[in-house]
C-alpha atoms as a PDB file:
ATOM      1  CA  MET A   1       0.000   0.006  -0.013  1.00  0.00           C
ATOM      2  CA  GLU A   2       2.667   2.443  -0.950  1.00  0.00           C
ATOM      3  CA  ARG A   3       1.421   5.979  -1.157  1.00  0.00           C
ATOM      4  CA  SER A   4       2.575   9.073  -3.064  1.00  0.00           C
ATOM      5  CA  GLU A   5       3.837  12.090  -1.214  1.00  0.00           C
ATOM      6  CA  THR A   6       1.233  13.389   1.337  1.00  0.00           C
ATOM      7  CA  ILE A   7       0.265  17.042   1.629  1.00  0.00           C
ATOM      8  CA  PRO A   8      -1.491  18.404   4.661  1.00  0.00           C
ATOM      9  CA  ALA A   9      -5.198  17.509   4.692  1.00  0.00           C
ATOM     10  CA  PRO A  10      -7.818  20.238   5.093  1.00  0.00           C
ATOM     11  CA  ALA A  11      -9.348  20.696   8.550  1.00  0.00           C
ATOM     12  CA  PRO A  12     -12.250  18.295   9.325  1.00  0.00           C
ATOM     13  CA  ASN A  13     -14.913  20.865   8.354  1.00  0.00           C
ATOM     14  CA  GLU A  14     -13.014  22.612   5.629  1.00  0.00           C
ATOM     15  CA  PRO A  15     -14.355  21.966   2.039  1.00  0.00           C
ATOM     16  CA  LEU A  16     -12.136  20.185  -0.483  1.00  0.00           C
ATOM     17  CA  SER A  17     -10.644  22.443  -3.122  1.00  0.00           C
ATOM     18  CA  ALA A  18     -11.246  21.612  -6.762  1.00  0.00           C
ATOM     19  CA  SER A  19      -7.723  20.350  -7.300  1.00  0.00           C
ATOM     20  CA  GLU A  20      -7.907  18.219  -4.098  1.00  0.00           C
ATOM     21  CA  SER A  21     -11.250  16.740  -4.833  1.00  0.00           C
ATOM     22  CA  VAL A  22      -9.993  14.483  -7.569  1.00  0.00           C
ATOM     23  CA  ALA A  23      -6.746  13.489  -5.889  1.00  0.00           C
ATOM     24  CA  ARG A  24      -7.410  12.049  -2.402  1.00  0.00           C
ATOM     25  CA  SER A  25      -7.561   8.274  -1.996  1.00  0.00           C
ATOM     26  CA  GLY A  26      -6.393   5.624   0.482  1.00  0.00           C
ATOM     27  CA  PHE A  27      -7.101   2.813   2.778  1.00  0.00           C
ATOM     28  CA  VAL A  28      -9.391   3.029   5.879  1.00  0.00           C
ATOM     29  CA  ALA A  29      -9.614   0.305   8.575  1.00  0.00           C
ATOM     30  CA  LEU A  30     -12.934  -0.299  10.232  1.00  0.00           C
ATOM     31  CA  VAL A  31     -12.023  -1.487  13.769  1.00  0.00           C
ATOM     32  CA  GLY A  32     -14.417  -2.314  16.587  1.00  0.00           C
ATOM     33  CA  ARG A  33     -15.719  -4.965  18.943  1.00  0.00           C
ATOM     34  CA  PRO A  34     -17.693  -7.922  17.650  1.00  0.00           C
ATOM     35  CA  ASN A  35     -21.305  -6.722  16.583  1.00  0.00           C
ATOM     36  CA  ALA A  36     -20.244  -3.053  16.375  1.00  0.00           C
ATOM     37  CA  GLY A  37     -21.781  -3.034  12.869  1.00  0.00           C
ATOM     38  CA  LYS A  38     -18.580  -2.946  10.632  1.00  0.00           C
ATOM     39  CA  SER A  39     -19.979  -5.317   7.955  1.00  0.00           C
ATOM     40  CA  THR A  40     -23.322  -3.598   7.922  1.00  0.00           C
ATOM     41  CA  LEU A  41     -21.597  -0.229   7.427  1.00  0.00           C
ATOM     42  CA  ILE A  42     -19.347  -1.428   4.629  1.00  0.00           C
ATOM     43  CA  ASN A  43     -22.291  -3.001   2.771  1.00  0.00           C
ATOM     44  CA  TYR A  44     -24.177   0.261   3.002  1.00  0.00           C
ATOM     45  CA  LEU A  45     -21.299   2.398   1.918  1.00  0.00           C
ATOM     46  CA  VAL A  46     -20.342   0.195  -1.029  1.00  0.00           C
ATOM     47  CA  GLY A  47     -24.061  -0.210  -2.038  1.00  0.00           C
ATOM     48  CA  GLU A  48     -23.775  -3.981  -2.524  1.00  0.00           C
ATOM     49  CA  LYS A  49     -23.658  -6.916  -0.117  1.00  0.00           C
ATOM     50  CA  ILE A  50     -20.025  -7.946   0.104  1.00  0.00           C
ATOM     51  CA  ALA A  51     -19.831  -8.998   3.738  1.00  0.00           C
ATOM     52  CA  ALA A  52     -21.869 -11.482   5.760  1.00  0.00           C
ATOM     53  CA  VAL A  53     -24.032  -9.832   8.408  1.00  0.00           C
ATOM     54  CA  SER A  54     -25.593 -11.412  11.477  1.00  0.00           C
ATOM     55  CA  ASP A  55     -26.233 -10.666  15.110  1.00  0.00           C
ATOM     56  CA  LYS A  56     -23.626 -13.302  16.166  1.00  0.00           C
ATOM     57  CA  PRO A  57     -20.114 -12.131  17.317  1.00  0.00           C
ATOM     58  CA  GLN A  58     -17.182 -12.915  14.984  1.00  0.00           C
ATOM     59  CA  THR A  59     -19.190 -12.935  11.842  1.00  0.00           C
ATOM     60  CA  THR A  60     -16.248 -11.461   9.910  1.00  0.00           C
ATOM     61  CA  ARG A  61     -13.269 -13.761   9.928  1.00  0.00           C
ATOM     62  CA  SER A  62     -10.983 -12.339   7.196  1.00  0.00           C
ATOM     63  CA  ARG A  63     -10.053  -8.912   5.898  1.00  0.00           C
ATOM     64  CA  ILE A  64     -12.570  -7.706   3.331  1.00  0.00           C
ATOM     65  CA  LEU A  65     -12.018  -4.618   1.084  1.00  0.00           C
ATOM     66  CA  GLY A  66     -15.011  -2.381   0.263  1.00  0.00           C
ATOM     67  CA  ILE A  67     -14.315   0.238  -2.376  1.00  0.00           C
ATOM     68  CA  VAL A  68     -16.226   3.513  -2.509  1.00  0.00           C
ATOM     69  CA  THR A  69     -15.439   5.915  -5.445  1.00  0.00           C
ATOM     70  CA  ARG A  70     -16.790   9.387  -5.580  1.00  0.00           C
ATOM     71  CA  PRO A  71     -15.920  12.424  -7.652  1.00  0.00           C
ATOM     72  CA  GLU A  72     -13.764  13.643  -4.740  1.00  0.00           C
ATOM     73  CA  GLY A  73     -11.683  10.464  -4.538  1.00  0.00           C
ATOM     74  CA  GLN A  74     -11.655   6.848  -3.580  1.00  0.00           C
ATOM     75  CA  VAL A  75     -11.962   5.280  -0.078  1.00  0.00           C
ATOM     76  CA  VAL A  76     -10.914   1.673   0.295  1.00  0.00           C
ATOM     77  CA  PHE A  77     -12.462   0.325   3.461  1.00  0.00           C
ATOM     78  CA  VAL A  78     -10.798  -2.635   5.228  1.00  0.00           C
ATOM     79  CA  ASP A  79     -13.446  -4.504   7.137  1.00  0.00           C
ATOM     80  CA  THR A  80     -11.703  -6.363   9.947  1.00  0.00           C
ATOM     81  CA  PRO A  81     -12.805  -9.114  12.423  1.00  0.00           C
ATOM     82  CA  GLY A  82     -14.182  -7.842  15.714  1.00  0.00           C
ATOM     83  CA  VAL A  83     -11.602  -7.285  18.386  1.00  0.00           C
ATOM     84  CA  HIS A  84     -11.731 -10.173  20.853  1.00  0.00           C
ATOM     85  CA  LYS A  85      -9.400 -12.403  23.011  1.00  0.00           C
ATOM     86  CA  PRO A  86      -7.980 -15.068  20.783  1.00  0.00           C
ATOM     87  CA  GLY A  87      -8.087 -18.727  21.822  1.00  0.00           C
ATOM     88  CA  TYR A  88      -7.907 -20.950  18.729  1.00  0.00           C
ATOM     89  CA  ARG A  89      -5.456 -20.459  15.908  1.00  0.00           C
ATOM     90  CA  LEU A  90      -8.572 -19.328  13.860  1.00  0.00           C
ATOM     91  CA  ASN A  91      -9.027 -16.480  16.381  1.00  0.00           C
ATOM     92  CA  LYS A  92      -5.373 -15.632  16.412  1.00  0.00           C
ATOM     93  CA  ARG A  93      -5.444 -15.276  12.670  1.00  0.00           C
ATOM     94  CA  MET A  94      -8.508 -13.027  13.002  1.00  0.00           C
ATOM     95  CA  MET A  95      -6.789 -10.733  15.455  1.00  0.00           C
ATOM     96  CA  GLN A  96      -3.635 -10.645  13.326  1.00  0.00           C
ATOM     97  CA  ALA A  97      -5.735  -9.369  10.476  1.00  0.00           C
ATOM     98  CA  VAL A  98      -6.783  -6.458  12.755  1.00  0.00           C
ATOM     99  CA  LEU A  99      -3.231  -5.684  13.685  1.00  0.00           C
ATOM    100  CA  ASP A 100      -2.117  -5.812  10.108  1.00  0.00           C
ATOM    101  CA  ALA A 101      -4.815  -3.443   9.016  1.00  0.00           C
ATOM    102  CA  LEU A 102      -3.933  -0.963  11.768  1.00  0.00           C
ATOM    103  CA  ALA A 103      -0.250  -1.102  10.709  1.00  0.00           C
ATOM    104  CA  THR A 104      -0.802  -0.406   6.964  1.00  0.00           C
ATOM    105  CA  VAL A 105      -3.828   1.808   6.426  1.00  0.00           C
ATOM    106  CA  ASP A 106      -3.943   5.575   6.107  1.00  0.00           C
ATOM    107  CA  VAL A 107      -6.823   6.310   8.513  1.00  0.00           C
ATOM    108  CA  VAL A 108      -8.660   4.289  11.138  1.00  0.00           C
ATOM    109  CA  VAL A 109     -12.396   4.379  11.899  1.00  0.00           C
ATOM    110  CA  LEU A 110     -13.047   3.201  15.472  1.00  0.00           C
ATOM    111  CA  LEU A 111     -16.658   2.034  15.189  1.00  0.00           C
ATOM    112  CA  ARG A 112     -18.360   1.882  18.531  1.00  0.00           C
ATOM    113  CA  ASP A 113     -21.882   0.458  19.289  1.00  0.00           C
ATOM    114  CA  ALA A 114     -23.400   3.445  21.081  1.00  0.00           C
ATOM    115  CA  SER A 115     -26.378   1.372  22.283  1.00  0.00           C
ATOM    116  CA  VAL A 116     -24.377  -0.648  24.835  1.00  0.00           C
ATOM    117  CA  SER A 117     -22.324   0.276  27.919  1.00  0.00           C
ATOM    118  CA  THR A 118     -18.524   0.702  27.860  1.00  0.00           C
ATOM    119  CA  GLY A 119     -16.624  -2.470  28.836  1.00  0.00           C
ATOM    120  CA  ASN A 120     -13.086  -3.699  29.009  1.00  0.00           C
ATOM    121  CA  GLY A 121     -13.245  -4.844  25.384  1.00  0.00           C
ATOM    122  CA  ASP A 122     -14.037  -1.249  24.267  1.00  0.00           C
ATOM    123  CA  ARG A 123     -11.078   0.079  26.211  1.00  0.00           C
ATOM    124  CA  PHE A 124      -8.813  -2.578  24.784  1.00  0.00           C
ATOM    125  CA  THR A 125      -9.993  -1.650  21.255  1.00  0.00           C
ATOM    126  CA  LEU A 126      -9.377   1.941  21.927  1.00  0.00           C
ATOM    127  CA  ASP A 127      -5.863   1.168  23.086  1.00  0.00           C
ATOM    128  CA  LEU A 128      -5.102  -0.642  19.869  1.00  0.00           C
ATOM    129  CA  VAL A 129      -6.177   2.380  17.874  1.00  0.00           C
ATOM    130  CA  LYS A 130      -4.081   4.694  20.000  1.00  0.00           C
ATOM    131  CA  GLN A 131      -1.078   2.424  19.746  1.00  0.00           C
ATOM    132  CA  SER A 132      -1.319   2.306  15.942  1.00  0.00           C
ATOM    133  CA  GLY A 133      -0.333   5.951  15.633  1.00  0.00           C
ATOM    134  CA  ARG A 134      -2.732   6.313  12.685  1.00  0.00           C
ATOM    135  CA  PRO A 135      -5.152   9.268  12.290  1.00  0.00           C
ATOM    136  CA  ALA A 136      -8.415   8.018  13.672  1.00  0.00           C
ATOM    137  CA  LEU A 137     -12.078   8.957  13.535  1.00  0.00           C
ATOM    138  CA  LEU A 138     -14.723   7.895  16.018  1.00  0.00           C
ATOM    139  CA  ALA A 139     -18.066   6.743  14.611  1.00  0.00           C
ATOM    140  CA  LEU A 140     -20.724   6.122  17.217  1.00  0.00           C
ATOM    141  CA  ASN A 141     -22.942   3.543  15.562  1.00  0.00           C
ATOM    142  CA  LYS A 142     -26.536   2.319  16.066  1.00  0.00           C
ATOM    143  CA  THR A 143     -27.973   5.680  16.848  1.00  0.00           C
ATOM    144  CA  ASP A 144     -31.316   4.342  15.505  1.00  0.00           C
ATOM    145  CA  ARG A 145     -31.540   2.226  18.684  1.00  0.00           C
ATOM    146  CA  LEU A 146     -31.004   5.065  21.099  1.00  0.00           C
ATOM    147  CA  ARG A 147     -33.902   6.550  22.960  1.00  0.00           C
ATOM    148  CA  ASP A 148     -31.721   8.827  24.983  1.00  0.00           C
ATOM    149  CA  LYS A 149     -29.603  10.807  22.580  1.00  0.00           C
ATOM    150  CA  GLY A 150     -27.810  12.354  25.546  1.00  0.00           C
ATOM    151  CA  LYS A 151     -25.769   9.075  25.708  1.00  0.00           C
ATOM    152  CA  LEU A 152     -24.002  10.202  22.528  1.00  0.00           C
ATOM    153  CA  LEU A 153     -22.692  13.315  24.379  1.00  0.00           C
ATOM    154  CA  THR A 154     -21.446  11.151  27.249  1.00  0.00           C
ATOM    155  CA  LEU A 155     -19.649   8.787  25.005  1.00  0.00           C
ATOM    156  CA  THR A 156     -18.154  11.556  22.892  1.00  0.00           C
ATOM    157  CA  ASP A 157     -16.816  13.214  26.022  1.00  0.00           C
ATOM    158  CA  PHE A 158     -15.233   9.900  27.130  1.00  0.00           C
ATOM    159  CA  TYR A 159     -13.470   9.277  23.883  1.00  0.00           C
ATOM    160  CA  ARG A 160     -12.450  12.903  23.478  1.00  0.00           C
ATOM    161  CA  ASN A 161     -10.701  12.704  26.838  1.00  0.00           C
ATOM    162  CA  GLU A 162      -8.951   9.474  25.800  1.00  0.00           C
ATOM    163  CA  HIS A 163      -7.696  10.373  22.370  1.00  0.00           C
ATOM    164  CA  ASP A 164      -7.474  13.167  19.821  1.00  0.00           C
ATOM    165  CA  PHE A 165      -9.799  11.908  17.100  1.00  0.00           C
ATOM    166  CA  LEU A 166     -10.210  13.647  13.772  1.00  0.00           C
ATOM    167  CA  ASP A 167     -13.897  13.884  14.428  1.00  0.00           C
ATOM    168  CA  TYR A 168     -16.664  12.347  16.492  1.00  0.00           C
ATOM    169  CA  LEU A 169     -19.652  11.305  14.375  1.00  0.00           C
ATOM    170  CA  PRO A 170     -22.952   9.691  15.287  1.00  0.00           C
ATOM    171  CA  ILE A 171     -24.130   7.301  12.531  1.00  0.00           C
ATOM    172  CA  SER A 172     -26.470   4.467  11.804  1.00  0.00           C
ATOM    173  CA  ALA A 173     -25.025   1.822   9.492  1.00  0.00           C
ATOM    174  CA  LEU A 174     -28.503   0.350   9.188  1.00  0.00           C
ATOM    175  CA  THR A 175     -30.349   3.562   7.955  1.00  0.00           C
ATOM    176  CA  GLY A 176     -27.319   5.368   6.537  1.00  0.00           C
ATOM    177  CA  GLU A 177     -27.712   8.340   8.837  1.00  0.00           C
ATOM    178  CA  GLY A 178     -24.387  10.178   9.182  1.00  0.00           C
ATOM    179  CA  THR A 179     -22.512   8.039   6.635  1.00  0.00           C
ATOM    180  CA  GLY A 180     -22.264  10.886   4.165  1.00  0.00           C
ATOM    181  CA  ALA A 181     -20.451  13.051   6.762  1.00  0.00           C
ATOM    182  CA  LEU A 182     -18.235  10.055   7.506  1.00  0.00           C
ATOM    183  CA  LEU A 183     -17.105   9.810   3.928  1.00  0.00           C
ATOM    184  CA  ASP A 184     -16.583  13.473   3.651  1.00  0.00           C
ATOM    185  CA  CYS A 185     -14.350  13.511   6.741  1.00  0.00           C
ATOM    186  CA  LEU A 186     -12.343  10.548   5.497  1.00  0.00           C
ATOM    187  CA  LEU A 187     -11.778  11.987   2.073  1.00  0.00           C
ATOM    188  CA  ARG A 188     -10.415  15.170   3.697  1.00  0.00           C
ATOM    189  CA  ALA A 189      -7.998  12.990   5.782  1.00  0.00           C
ATOM    190  CA  LEU A 190      -6.673  10.794   3.060  1.00  0.00           C
ATOM    191  CA  PRO A 191      -3.405  11.593   1.218  1.00  0.00           C
ATOM    192  CA  VAL A 192      -3.080  12.922  -2.312  1.00  0.00           C
ATOM    193  CA  ALA A 193      -2.752   9.810  -4.535  1.00  0.00           C
ATOM    194  CA  PRO A 194      -4.367   8.219  -7.565  1.00  0.00           C
ATOM    195  CA  PRO A 195      -7.091   5.722  -6.773  1.00  0.00           C
ATOM    196  CA  PRO A 196      -5.709   2.176  -6.323  1.00  0.00           C
ATOM    197  CA  PHE A 197      -8.742   0.474  -7.872  1.00  0.00           C
ATOM    198  CA  ALA A 198     -10.853   1.090 -10.961  1.00  0.00           C
ATOM    199  CA  GLU A 199     -13.935   3.223 -10.637  1.00  0.00           C
ATOM    200  CA  ASP A 200     -16.372   0.227 -11.001  1.00  0.00           C
ATOM    201  CA  ASP A 201     -14.561  -2.052  -8.521  1.00  0.00           C
ATOM    202  CA  LEU A 202     -16.481  -2.704  -5.304  1.00  0.00           C
ATOM    203  CA  THR A 203     -14.434  -5.303  -3.449  1.00  0.00           C
ATOM    204  CA  ASP A 204     -11.470  -7.650  -3.625  1.00  0.00           C
ATOM    205  CA  GLN A 205     -13.697 -10.680  -2.767  1.00  0.00           C
ATOM    206  CA  THR A 206     -14.021 -13.365  -5.431  1.00  0.00           C
ATOM    207  CA  GLU A 207     -17.398 -14.696  -6.405  1.00  0.00           C
ATOM    208  CA  ARG A 208     -16.379 -18.055  -4.901  1.00  0.00           C
ATOM    209  CA  LYS A 209     -15.555 -16.394  -1.541  1.00  0.00           C
ATOM    210  CA  LEU A 210     -18.854 -14.478  -1.611  1.00  0.00           C
ATOM    211  CA  VAL A 211     -20.787 -17.734  -2.224  1.00  0.00           C
ATOM    212  CA  ALA A 212     -19.177 -19.311   0.891  1.00  0.00           C
ATOM    213  CA  GLU A 213     -19.957 -16.227   2.943  1.00  0.00           C
ATOM    214  CA  PHE A 214     -23.589 -16.099   1.888  1.00  0.00           C
ATOM    215  CA  LEU A 215     -24.099 -19.692   2.945  1.00  0.00           C
ATOM    216  CA  ARG A 216     -22.208 -19.133   6.283  1.00  0.00           C
ATOM    217  CA  GLU A 217     -24.429 -16.098   6.976  1.00  0.00           C
ATOM    218  CA  GLN A 218     -27.484 -18.442   6.787  1.00  0.00           C
ATOM    219  CA  LEU A 219     -25.770 -20.734   9.277  1.00  0.00           C
ATOM    220  CA  LEU A 220     -25.206 -17.807  11.579  1.00  0.00           C
ATOM    221  CA  ARG A 221     -28.877 -16.814  11.351  1.00  0.00           C
ATOM    222  CA  HIS A 222     -30.374 -20.214  11.877  1.00  0.00           C
ATOM    223  CA  LEU A 223     -28.115 -21.893  14.484  1.00  0.00           C
ATOM    224  CA  SER A 224     -27.867 -21.435  18.183  1.00  0.00           C
ATOM    225  CA  ASP A 225     -25.439 -18.932  19.761  1.00  0.00           C
ATOM    226  CA  GLU A 226     -22.505 -21.252  20.292  1.00  0.00           C
ATOM    227  CA  LEU A 227     -22.600 -23.417  17.128  1.00  0.00           C
ATOM    228  CA  PRO A 228     -21.737 -20.729  14.600  1.00  0.00           C
ATOM    229  CA  PHE A 229     -18.217 -20.507  16.161  1.00  0.00           C
ATOM    230  CA  VAL A 230     -17.379 -24.046  15.083  1.00  0.00           C
ATOM    231  CA  VAL A 231     -18.701 -24.047  11.484  1.00  0.00           C
ATOM    232  CA  ALA A 232     -17.005 -22.955   8.288  1.00  0.00           C
ATOM    233  CA  VAL A 233     -17.967 -23.210   4.641  1.00  0.00           C
ATOM    234  CA  ALA A 234     -15.816 -24.098   1.648  1.00  0.00           C
ATOM    235  CA  VAL A 235     -16.805 -24.179  -2.060  1.00  0.00           C
ATOM    236  CA  GLU A 236     -15.497 -27.446  -3.481  1.00  0.00           C
ATOM    237  CA  LYS A 237     -17.104 -27.398  -6.993  1.00  0.00           C
ATOM    238  CA  TRP A 238     -17.712 -24.544  -9.385  1.00  0.00           C
ATOM    239  CA  GLU A 239     -18.882 -25.933 -12.638  1.00  0.00           C
ATOM    240  CA  GLU A 240     -20.258 -23.835 -15.550  1.00  0.00           C
ATOM    241  CA  ARG A 241     -23.328 -25.333 -17.356  1.00  0.00           C
ATOM    242  CA  ALA A 242     -23.992 -25.191 -21.038  1.00  0.00           C
ATOM    243  CA  ASP A 243     -27.294 -23.369 -20.340  1.00  0.00           C
ATOM    244  CA  GLY A 244     -25.417 -20.536 -18.585  1.00  0.00           C
ATOM    245  CA  GLY A 245     -26.293 -21.847 -15.107  1.00  0.00           C
ATOM    246  CA  LEU A 246     -23.861 -22.967 -12.416  1.00  0.00           C
ATOM    247  CA  ASN A 247     -23.410 -26.125 -10.474  1.00  0.00           C
ATOM    248  CA  LEU A 248     -21.997 -25.515  -6.970  1.00  0.00           C
ATOM    249  CA  ALA A 249     -20.962 -27.889  -4.264  1.00  0.00           C
ATOM    250  CA  CYS A 250     -20.277 -26.558  -0.835  1.00  0.00           C
ATOM    251  CA  VAL A 251     -19.100 -28.339   2.350  1.00  0.00           C
ATOM    252  CA  ILE A 252     -19.969 -27.200   5.806  1.00  0.00           C
ATOM    253  CA  LEU A 253     -17.342 -28.011   8.398  1.00  0.00           C
ATOM    254  CA  VAL A 254     -18.237 -28.867  12.022  1.00  0.00           C
ATOM    255  CA  GLU A 255     -16.163 -30.547  14.782  1.00  0.00           C
ATOM    256  CA  ARG A 256     -18.479 -33.230  16.177  1.00  0.00           C
ATOM    257  CA  GLN A 257     -21.183 -35.554  14.987  1.00  0.00           C
ATOM    258  CA  SER A 258     -23.671 -33.872  17.418  1.00  0.00           C
ATOM    259  CA  GLN A 259     -23.094 -30.563  15.592  1.00  0.00           C
ATOM    260  CA  ARG A 260     -23.648 -32.172  12.216  1.00  0.00           C
ATOM    261  CA  ALA A 261     -27.065 -33.331  13.381  1.00  0.00           C
ATOM    262  CA  ILE A 262     -27.920 -29.868  14.520  1.00  0.00           C
ATOM    263  CA  VAL A 263     -26.974 -28.376  11.191  1.00  0.00           C
ATOM    264  CA  LEU A 264     -29.009 -30.896   9.306  1.00  0.00           C
ATOM    265  CA  GLY A 265     -32.037 -30.565  11.541  1.00  0.00           C
ATOM    266  CA  ARG A 266     -34.852 -33.043  11.759  1.00  0.00           C
ATOM    267  CA  GLY A 267     -35.061 -34.879   8.432  1.00  0.00           C
ATOM    268  CA  GLY A 268     -32.587 -32.396   6.963  1.00  0.00           C
ATOM    269  CA  LEU A 269     -35.184 -29.624   6.991  1.00  0.00           C
ATOM    270  CA  ARG A 270     -32.886 -26.985   8.622  1.00  0.00           C
ATOM    271  CA  LEU A 271     -30.191 -27.461   6.049  1.00  0.00           C
ATOM    272  CA  ARG A 272     -32.775 -27.334   3.315  1.00  0.00           C
ATOM    273  CA  ASP A 273     -34.153 -24.028   4.524  1.00  0.00           C
ATOM    274  CA  MET A 274     -30.636 -22.506   4.817  1.00  0.00           C
ATOM    275  CA  ALA A 275     -29.677 -23.775   1.347  1.00  0.00           C
ATOM    276  CA  THR A 276     -32.847 -22.342  -0.159  1.00  0.00           C
ATOM    277  CA  ALA A 277     -32.168 -18.902   1.371  1.00  0.00           C
ATOM    278  CA  ALA A 278     -28.482 -18.973   0.402  1.00  0.00           C
ATOM    279  CA  ARG A 279     -29.242 -20.035  -3.216  1.00  0.00           C
ATOM    280  CA  ALA A 280     -31.599 -17.119  -3.633  1.00  0.00           C
ATOM    281  CA  GLU A 281     -28.901 -14.590  -2.616  1.00  0.00           C
ATOM    282  CA  ILE A 282     -26.253 -16.383  -4.724  1.00  0.00           C
ATOM    283  CA  GLU A 283     -28.475 -16.285  -7.807  1.00  0.00           C
ATOM    284  CA  ALA A 284     -29.234 -12.622  -7.232  1.00  0.00           C
ATOM    285  CA  MET A 285     -25.532 -11.837  -6.960  1.00  0.00           C
ATOM    286  CA  LEU A 286     -24.473 -13.969  -9.990  1.00  0.00           C
ATOM    287  CA  GLU A 287     -27.568 -13.113 -12.074  1.00  0.00           C
ATOM    288  CA  ARG A 288     -28.014 -16.711 -13.230  1.00  0.00           C
ATOM    289  CA  PRO A 289     -29.590 -19.931 -12.068  1.00  0.00           C
ATOM    290  CA  VAL A 290     -27.620 -22.011  -9.584  1.00  0.00           C
ATOM    291  CA  PHE A 291     -27.873 -25.654  -8.573  1.00  0.00           C
ATOM    292  CA  LEU A 292     -26.491 -25.863  -5.093  1.00  0.00           C
ATOM    293  CA  GLU A 293     -25.354 -29.091  -3.310  1.00  0.00           C
ATOM    294  CA  ILE A 294     -24.319 -28.918   0.333  1.00  0.00           C
ATOM    295  CA  PHE A 295     -22.540 -31.499   2.406  1.00  0.00           C
ATOM    296  CA  VAL A 296     -21.896 -31.421   6.148  1.00  0.00           C
ATOM    297  CA  LYS A 297     -18.503 -32.876   7.144  1.00  0.00           C
ATOM    298  CA  VAL A 298     -17.149 -33.615  10.619  1.00  0.00           C
ATOM    299  CA  GLU A 299     -13.538 -32.429  10.864  1.00  0.00           C
ATOM    300  CA  PRO A 300     -12.273 -32.248  14.539  1.00  0.00           C
ATOM    301  CA  ARG A 301     -10.154 -29.327  15.491  1.00  0.00           C
ATOM    302  CA  TRP A 302     -10.345 -27.629  12.174  1.00  0.00           C
ATOM    303  CA  ARG A 303     -10.021 -24.266  13.982  1.00  0.00           C
ATOM    304  CA  ASN A 304      -6.531 -25.236  15.000  1.00  0.00           C
ATOM    305  CA  ASP A 305      -5.535 -26.680  11.594  1.00  0.00           C
ATOM    306  CA  GLU A 306      -3.235 -24.334   9.803  1.00  0.00           C
ATOM    307  CA  ARG A 307      -3.627 -26.110   6.469  1.00  0.00           C
ATOM    308  CA  ARG A 308      -7.440 -25.938   6.645  1.00  0.00           C
ATOM    309  CA  LEU A 309      -7.404 -22.344   7.737  1.00  0.00           C
ATOM    310  CA  ASP A 310      -5.221 -21.541   4.647  1.00  0.00           C
ATOM    311  CA  GLU A 311      -7.676 -23.344   2.398  1.00  0.00           C
ATOM    312  CA  LEU A 312     -10.592 -21.397   3.912  1.00  0.00           C
ATOM    313  CA  GLY A 313      -8.681 -18.136   3.305  1.00  0.00           C
ATOM    314  CA  ILE A 314      -8.818 -17.093   6.936  1.00  0.00           C
ATOM    315  CA  GLY A 315      -6.158 -14.623   8.078  1.00  0.00           C
END
């Protein structure tokens, strides 16, 4: 991510000049606790679904780029896994993705769920942002859930006393409220450089990777709170059909036979429902008919298997 020479950015509320409005671009890390709304935000900003979204923690497992191009410049968002205490090698890789992003981007957005109270995890995430030394912006998310808007002032004061952020913005990734101001602030803070991606690029994710993520999202939505942590999805067959359709075969990994039974459901009905929902999203994305086969495989300790994690593209 080499950058061209940086010139001073305008003040946060200073309009971009005509010459600057076409020159600023760079990488922005979205960092926050699990369920802060990073994937929801990146999907809204990009205008397409490129990241799985659920109410389960640790939905995002790998770095995902979301590319937003405007007349004023290009912002390449790096969606990172939620900051958490790593246990398995899977989780260690997820946290390394966060640290790598903090070390290489131009600007950091600390995304904070404003609807929950401040805990040790929020303080740890703040410390990571401070230690990165990167210019950072605070985005207080989920304002649509707040009945007492005064909580925003309390949170803003807390973070203002802890770190000198570029700005402190209330937003709702769900409704889009405040996201325009967020983009404006980021474009003002980015260095002068040509856009690293083409104007019509939206992400670095391959269609194969997106298929796996759309299916895993259905697992997250339909399974109990604990089981999603021990499941993964891999696309094992991608076959073009003569009629323009696509034959796909996916494998769902679990660690125990009891987990396989839960994924299948009684008579395989749960898996059928998840497959139907996933296929509809996949067909909408690929804009062609899809025949989807899904197998559930028991693979003990896959979360600690470096080879399997490499195959899954995690880390």
